[in-house]
Every structure is written in structure tokens, then in C-alpha cells.
Amino acid sequence: DVTGRVRRQRQIESVHDATEELTTADAPEAA
């Protein structure tokens, strides 16, 4: 259960990082 929560938390953090990176894209192809 702890391992599953840690994995989900890391995934959420990764999604957040990816979202932030996408907001910096300056062209459709880059996004």
C-alpha cells in the first residue's frame, strides 16, 4: 500500500513537471 502511494505521488509530481514544461512550448510542434 505504501509503495503504491509513493508510486502515485511520484506520477502526480511527474505530471505536474510535464504540464509546466508544456506551458513553455512556443510552437505547436514543440508542444
All heavy atoms as atom14 arrays in JSON, in Angstrom:
{
  "sequence": "DVTGRVRRQRQIESVHDATEELTTADAPEAA",
  "atom14_mask": [
    [1, 1, 1, 1, 1, 1, 1, 1, 0, 0, 0, 0, 0, 0],
    [1, 1, 1, 1, 1, 1, 1, 0, 0, 0, 0, 0, 0, 0],
    [1, 1, 1, 1, 1, 1, 1, 0, 0, 0, 0, 0, 0, 0],
    [1, 1, 1, 1, 0, 0, 0, 0, 0, 0, 0, 0, 0, 0],
    [1, 1, 1, 1, 1, 1, 1, 1, 1, 1, 1, 0, 0, 0],
    [1, 1, 1, 1, 1, 1, 1, 0, 0, 0, 0, 0, 0, 0],
    [1, 1, 1, 1, 1, 1, 1, 1, 1, 1, 1, 0, 0, 0],
    [1, 1, 1, 1, 1, 1, 1, 1, 1, 1, 1, 0, 0, 0],
    [1, 1, 1, 1, 1, 1, 1, 1, 1, 0, 0, 0, 0, 0],
    [1, 1, 1, 1, 1, 1, 1, 1, 1, 1, 1, 0, 0, 0],
    [1, 1, 1, 1, 1, 1, 1, 1, 1, 0, 0, 0, 0, 0],
    [1, 1, 1, 1, 1, 1, 1, 1, 0, 0, 0, 0, 0, 0],
    [1, 1, 1, 1, 1, 1, 1, 1, 1, 0, 0, 0, 0, 0],
    [1, 1, 1, 1, 1, 1, 0, 0, 0, 0, 0, 0, 0, 0],
    [1, 1, 1, 1, 1, 1, 1, 0, 0, 0, 0, 0, 0, 0],
    [1, 1, 1, 1, 1, 1, 1, 1, 1, 1, 0, 0, 0, 0],
    [1, 1, 1, 1, 1, 1, 1, 1, 0, 0, 0, 0, 0, 0],
    [1, 1, 1, 1, 1, 0, 0, 0, 0, 0, 0, 0, 0, 0],
    [1, 1, 1, 1, 1, 1, 1, 0, 0, 0, 0, 0, 0, 0],
    [1, 1, 1, 1, 1, 1, 1, 1, 1, 0, 0, 0, 0, 0],
    [1, 1, 1, 1, 1, 1, 1, 1, 1, 0, 0, 0, 0, 0],
    [1, 1, 1, 1, 1, 1, 1, 1, 0, 0, 0, 0, 0, 0],
    [1, 1, 1, 1, 1, 1, 1, 0, 0, 0, 0, 0, 0, 0],
    [1, 1, 1, 1, 1, 1, 1, 0, 0, 0, 0, 0, 0, 0],
    [1, 1, 1, 1, 1, 0, 0, 0, 0, 0, 0, 0, 0, 0],
    [1, 1, 1, 1, 1, 1, 1, 1, 0, 0, 0, 0, 0, 0],
    [1, 1, 1, 1, 1, 0, 0, 0, 0, 0, 0, 0, 0, 0],
    [1, 1, 1, 1, 1, 1, 1, 0, 0, 0, 0, 0, 0, 0],
    [1, 1, 1, 1, 1, 1, 1, 1, 1, 0, 0, 0, 0, 0],
    [1, 1, 1, 1, 1, 0, 0, 0, 0, 0, 0, 0, 0, 0],
    [1, 1, 1, 1, 1, 0, 0, 0, 0, 0, 0, 0, 0, 0]
  ],
  "atom14_positions": [
    [[0.83, -1.2, 0.0], [0.0, 0.0, 0.0], [0.86, 1.25, 0.0], [0.6, 2.21, -0.73], [-0.91, 0.0, 1.23], [-1.89, 1.16, 1.2], [-2.58, 1.32, 0.19], [-1.94, 1.91, 2.2], [0.0, 0.0, 0.0], [0.0, 0.0, 0.0], [0.0, 0.0, 0.0], [0.0, 0.0, 0.0], [0.0, 0.0, 0.0], [0.0, 0.0, 0.0]],
    [[1.92, 1.25, 0.83], [2.83, 2.39, 0.89], [3.55, 2.57, -0.44], [3.67, 3.68, -0.97], [3.86, 2.2, 2.03], [4.94, 3.29, 1.93], [3.18, 2.26, 3.38], [0.0, 0.0, 0.0], [0.0, 0.0, 0.0], [0.0, 0.0, 0.0], [0.0, 0.0, 0.0], [0.0, 0.0, 0.0], [0.0, 0.0, 0.0], [0.0, 0.0, 0.0]],
    [[4.0, 1.46, -1.02], [4.68, 1.51, -2.31], [3.76, 2.08, -3.39], [4.18, 2.89, -4.22], [5.15, 0.11, -2.73], [6.03, -0.4, -1.73], [5.88, 0.16, -4.06], [0.0, 0.0, 0.0], [0.0, 0.0, 0.0], [0.0, 0.0, 0.0], [0.0, 0.0, 0.0], [0.0, 0.0, 0.0], [0.0, 0.0, 0.0], [0.0, 0.0, 0.0]],
    [[2.49, 1.67, -3.35], [1.53, 2.17, -4.33], [1.3, 3.66, -4.18], [1.23, 4.39, -5.17], [0.0, 0.0, 0.0], [0.0, 0.0, 0.0], [0.0, 0.0, 0.0], [0.0, 0.0, 0.0], [0.0, 0.0, 0.0], [0.0, 0.0, 0.0], [0.0, 0.0, 0.0], [0.0, 0.0, 0.0], [0.0, 0.0, 0.0], [0.0, 0.0, 0.0]],
    [[1.24, 4.14, -2.92], [1.02, 5.57, -2.69], [2.23, 6.38, -3.15], [2.09, 7.45, -3.73], [0.76, 5.84, -1.2], [-0.63, 5.41, -0.74], [-1.04, 6.18, 0.51], [-0.09, 5.98, 1.6], [-0.18, 5.0, 2.5], [-1.17, 4.12, 2.43], [0.7, 4.88, 3.47], [0.0, 0.0, 0.0], [0.0, 0.0, 0.0], [0.0, 0.0, 0.0]],
    [[3.41, 5.86, -2.88], [4.64, 6.54, -3.3], [4.69, 6.62, -4.83], [5.04, 7.66, -5.41], [5.89, 5.8, -2.77], [7.15, 6.37, -3.42], [5.98, 5.93, -1.26], [0.0, 0.0, 0.0], [0.0, 0.0, 0.0], [0.0, 0.0, 0.0], [0.0, 0.0, 0.0], [0.0, 0.0, 0.0], [0.0, 0.0, 0.0], [0.0, 0.0, 0.0]],
    [[4.33, 5.51, -5.49], [4.34, 5.49, -6.95], [3.36, 6.5, -7.51], [3.67, 7.23, -8.45], [3.99, 4.08, -7.45], [4.14, 3.94, -8.97], [3.72, 2.56, -9.46], [4.53, 1.51, -8.85], [4.07, 0.62, -7.97], [2.79, 0.65, -7.61], [4.86, -0.3, -7.47], [0.0, 0.0, 0.0], [0.0, 0.0, 0.0], [0.0, 0.0, 0.0]],
    [[2.14, 6.58, -6.94], [1.15, 7.53, -7.4], [1.6, 8.97, -7.18], [1.4, 9.84, -8.02], [-0.2, 7.28, -6.7], [-0.95, 6.06, -7.23], [-2.39, 6.06, -6.74], [-2.46, 5.92, -5.28], [-2.46, 4.76, -4.64], [-2.36, 3.63, -5.32], [-2.54, 4.72, -3.32], [0.0, 0.0, 0.0], [0.0, 0.0, 0.0], [0.0, 0.0, 0.0]],
    [[2.24, 9.2, -6.0], [2.73, 10.54, -5.7], [3.79, 10.97, -6.69], [3.8, 12.12, -7.18], [3.28, 10.6, -4.27], [3.8, 11.98, -3.85], [2.73, 13.05, -3.89], [1.56, 12.78, -3.6], [3.11, 14.25, -4.29], [0.0, 0.0, 0.0], [0.0, 0.0, 0.0], [0.0, 0.0, 0.0], [0.0, 0.0, 0.0], [0.0, 0.0, 0.0]],
    [[4.69, 10.06, -7.01], [5.73, 10.38, -8.0], [5.13, 10.63, -9.37], [5.61, 11.5, -10.11], [6.73, 9.22, -8.05], [7.64, 9.13, -6.83], [8.57, 7.95, -6.92], [9.49, 7.9, -5.77], [10.3, 6.89, -5.52], [10.31, 5.82, -6.33], [11.1, 6.92, -4.46], [0.0, 0.0, 0.0], [0.0, 0.0, 0.0], [0.0, 0.0, 0.0]],
    [[4.1, 9.87, -9.7], [3.45, 10.07, -11.0], [2.78, 11.44, -11.06], [2.88, 12.15, -12.07], [2.42, 8.97, -11.25], [1.89, 8.94, -12.68], [0.98, 7.76, -12.91], [-0.04, 7.61, -12.23], [1.33, 6.91, -13.87], [0.0, 0.0, 0.0], [0.0, 0.0, 0.0], [0.0, 0.0, 0.0], [0.0, 0.0, 0.0], [0.0, 0.0, 0.0]],
    [[2.13, 11.82, -9.96], [1.49, 13.14, -9.9], [2.52, 14.24, -10.06], [2.31, 15.22, -10.78], [0.72, 13.3, -8.56], [-0.5, 12.38, -8.54], [0.29, 14.76, -8.36], [-1.19, 12.31, -7.2], [0.0, 0.0, 0.0], [0.0, 0.0, 0.0], [0.0, 0.0, 0.0], [0.0, 0.0, 0.0], [0.0, 0.0, 0.0], [0.0, 0.0, 0.0]],
    [[3.66, 14.08, -9.39], [4.72, 15.08, -9.5], [5.26, 15.15, -10.93], [5.56, 16.23, -11.44], [5.85, 14.74, -8.52], [5.46, 14.93, -7.06], [6.53, 14.45, -6.1], [7.55, 13.87, -6.6], [6.38, 14.61, -4.88], [0.0, 0.0, 0.0], [0.0, 0.0, 0.0], [0.0, 0.0, 0.0], [0.0, 0.0, 0.0], [0.0, 0.0, 0.0]],
    [[5.38, 13.98, -11.55], [5.86, 13.95, -12.94], [4.88, 14.61, -13.88], [5.28, 15.32, -14.82], [6.1, 12.49, -13.38], [7.11, 11.88, -12.59], [0.0, 0.0, 0.0], [0.0, 0.0, 0.0], [0.0, 0.0, 0.0], [0.0, 0.0, 0.0], [0.0, 0.0, 0.0], [0.0, 0.0, 0.0], [0.0, 0.0, 0.0], [0.0, 0.0, 0.0]],
    [[3.59, 14.4, -13.65], [2.56, 15.05, -14.46], [2.65, 16.55, -14.3], [2.56, 17.32, -15.28], [1.15, 14.55, -14.07], [0.07, 15.42, -14.73], [0.96, 13.1, -14.46], [0.0, 0.0, 0.0], [0.0, 0.0, 0.0], [0.0, 0.0, 0.0], [0.0, 0.0, 0.0], [0.0, 0.0, 0.0], [0.0, 0.0, 0.0], [0.0, 0.0, 0.0]],
    [[2.86, 17.01, -13.06], [2.98, 18.44, -12.79], [4.17, 19.03, -13.53], [4.08, 20.1, -14.15], [3.12, 18.67, -11.29], [3.2, 20.12, -10.91], [4.41, 20.77, -10.73], [2.24, 21.04, -10.7], [4.19, 22.03, -10.42], [2.88, 22.23, -10.39], [0.0, 0.0, 0.0], [0.0, 0.0, 0.0], [0.0, 0.0, 0.0], [0.0, 0.0, 0.0]],
    [[5.3, 18.32, -13.48], [6.51, 18.79, -14.17], [6.28, 18.85, -15.68], [6.7, 19.81, -16.35], [7.69, 17.87, -13.86], [8.13, 17.98, -12.41], [7.77, 18.97, -11.74], [8.83, 17.06, -11.94], [0.0, 0.0, 0.0], [0.0, 0.0, 0.0], [0.0, 0.0, 0.0], [0.0, 0.0, 0.0], [0.0, 0.0, 0.0], [0.0, 0.0, 0.0]],
    [[5.63, 17.8, -16.22], [5.37, 17.76, -17.66], [4.44, 18.89, -18.08], [4.62, 19.51, -19.13], [4.78, 16.41, -18.05], [0.0, 0.0, 0.0], [0.0, 0.0, 0.0], [0.0, 0.0, 0.0], [0.0, 0.0, 0.0], [0.0, 0.0, 0.0], [0.0, 0.0, 0.0], [0.0, 0.0, 0.0], [0.0, 0.0, 0.0], [0.0, 0.0, 0.0]],
    [[3.45, 19.17, -17.23], [2.5, 20.25, -17.53], [3.21, 21.6, -17.55], [2.97, 22.42, -18.44], [1.38, 20.28, -16.47], [0.69, 19.01, -16.48], [0.39, 21.39, -16.76], [0.0, 0.0, 0.0], [0.0, 0.0, 0.0], [0.0, 0.0, 0.0], [0.0, 0.0, 0.0], [0.0, 0.0, 0.0], [0.0, 0.0, 0.0], [0.0, 0.0, 0.0]],
    [[4.08, 21.82, -16.58], [4.85, 23.07, -16.54], [5.72, 23.22, -17.78], [5.83, 24.31, -18.34], [5.73, 23.11, -15.28], [4.98, 23.49, -14.02], [5.94, 23.88, -12.9], [7.12, 23.48, -12.96], [5.5, 24.58, -11.97], [0.0, 0.0, 0.0], [0.0, 0.0, 0.0], [0.0, 0.0, 0.0], [0.0, 0.0, 0.0], [0.0, 0.0, 0.0]],
    [[6.32, 22.11, -18.21], [7.19, 22.16, -19.38], [6.37, 22.47, -20.64], [6.79, 23.23, -21.51], [7.92, 20.83, -19.55], [9.08, 20.9, -20.52], [9.93, 19.64, -20.51], [9.53, 18.65, -19.88], [10.99, 19.66, -21.16], [0.0, 0.0, 0.0], [0.0, 0.0, 0.0], [0.0, 0.0, 0.0], [0.0, 0.0, 0.0], [0.0, 0.0, 0.0]],
    [[5.17, 21.88, -20.71], [4.32, 22.12, -21.88], [3.87, 23.58, -21.97], [3.69, 24.1, -23.07], [3.08, 21.21, -21.81], [3.2, 19.86, -22.52], [2.05, 18.95, -22.13], [3.23, 20.04, -24.02], [0.0, 0.0, 0.0], [0.0, 0.0, 0.0], [0.0, 0.0, 0.0], [0.0, 0.0, 0.0], [0.0, 0.0, 0.0], [0.0, 0.0, 0.0]],
    [[3.71, 24.22, -20.83], [3.26, 25.62, -20.86], [4.34, 26.55, -21.4], [4.05, 27.71, -21.72], [2.87, 26.1, -19.45], [3.99, 26.01, -18.56], [1.72, 25.28, -18.89], [0.0, 0.0, 0.0], [0.0, 0.0, 0.0], [0.0, 0.0, 0.0], [0.0, 0.0, 0.0], [0.0, 0.0, 0.0], [0.0, 0.0, 0.0], [0.0, 0.0, 0.0]],
    [[5.57, 26.06, -21.53], [6.65, 26.9, -22.06], [6.84, 26.71, -23.57], [7.64, 27.43, -24.18], [7.98, 26.59, -21.35], [8.39, 25.24, -21.67], [7.84, 26.71, -19.84], [0.0, 0.0, 0.0], [0.0, 0.0, 0.0], [0.0, 0.0, 0.0], [0.0, 0.0, 0.0], [0.0, 0.0, 0.0], [0.0, 0.0, 0.0], [0.0, 0.0, 0.0]],
    [[6.12, 25.76, -24.16], [6.28, 25.5, -25.6], [5.88, 26.73, -26.4], [4.85, 27.35, -26.13], [5.43, 24.3, -26.01], [0.0, 0.0, 0.0], [0.0, 0.0, 0.0], [0.0, 0.0, 0.0], [0.0, 0.0, 0.0], [0.0, 0.0, 0.0], [0.0, 0.0, 0.0], [0.0, 0.0, 0.0], [0.0, 0.0, 0.0], [0.0, 0.0, 0.0]],
    [[6.7, 27.08, -27.38], [6.43, 28.29, -28.17], [5.96, 27.97, -29.58], [5.79, 28.87, -30.4], [7.67, 29.18, -28.23], [8.88, 28.46, -28.8], [8.75, 27.27, -29.16], [9.96, 29.08, -28.89], [0.0, 0.0, 0.0], [0.0, 0.0, 0.0], [0.0, 0.0, 0.0], [0.0, 0.0, 0.0], [0.0, 0.0, 0.0], [0.0, 0.0, 0.0]],
    [[5.74, 26.69, -29.87], [5.26, 26.28, -31.2], [4.46, 24.99, -31.05], [4.73, 24.19, -30.15], [6.42, 26.07, -32.16], [0.0, 0.0, 0.0], [0.0, 0.0, 0.0], [0.0, 0.0, 0.0], [0.0, 0.0, 0.0], [0.0, 0.0, 0.0], [0.0, 0.0, 0.0], [0.0, 0.0, 0.0], [0.0, 0.0, 0.0], [0.0, 0.0, 0.0]],
    [[3.46, 24.77, -31.92], [2.66, 23.55, -31.83], [3.5, 22.28, -31.91], [3.25, 21.32, -31.16], [1.72, 23.67, -33.03], [1.62, 25.13, -33.3], [2.98, 25.67, -32.98], [0.0, 0.0, 0.0], [0.0, 0.0, 0.0], [0.0, 0.0, 0.0], [0.0, 0.0, 0.0], [0.0, 0.0, 0.0], [0.0, 0.0, 0.0], [0.0, 0.0, 0.0]],
    [[4.49, 22.28, -32.79], [5.33, 21.09, -32.95], [6.1, 20.77, -31.67], [6.24, 19.61, -31.28], [6.29, 21.29, -34.11], [5.64, 21.41, -35.47], [5.01, 22.77, -35.73], [5.29, 23.71, -34.94], [4.25, 22.9, -36.7], [0.0, 0.0, 0.0], [0.0, 0.0, 0.0], [0.0, 0.0, 0.0], [0.0, 0.0, 0.0], [0.0, 0.0, 0.0]],
    [[6.59, 21.81, -31.02], [7.34, 21.63, -29.77], [6.42, 21.08, -28.68], [6.82, 20.18, -27.91], [7.95, 22.96, -29.32], [0.0, 0.0, 0.0], [0.0, 0.0, 0.0], [0.0, 0.0, 0.0], [0.0, 0.0, 0.0], [0.0, 0.0, 0.0], [0.0, 0.0, 0.0], [0.0, 0.0, 0.0], [0.0, 0.0, 0.0], [0.0, 0.0, 0.0]],
    [[5.2, 21.58, -28.61], [4.24, 21.09, -27.62], [3.92, 19.62, -27.85], [3.83, 18.83, -26.91], [2.96, 21.92, -27.68], [0.0, 0.0, 0.0], [0.0, 0.0, 0.0], [0.0, 0.0, 0.0], [0.0, 0.0, 0.0], [0.0, 0.0, 0.0], [0.0, 0.0, 0.0], [0.0, 0.0, 0.0], [0.0, 0.0, 0.0], [0.0, 0.0, 0.0]]
  ]
}
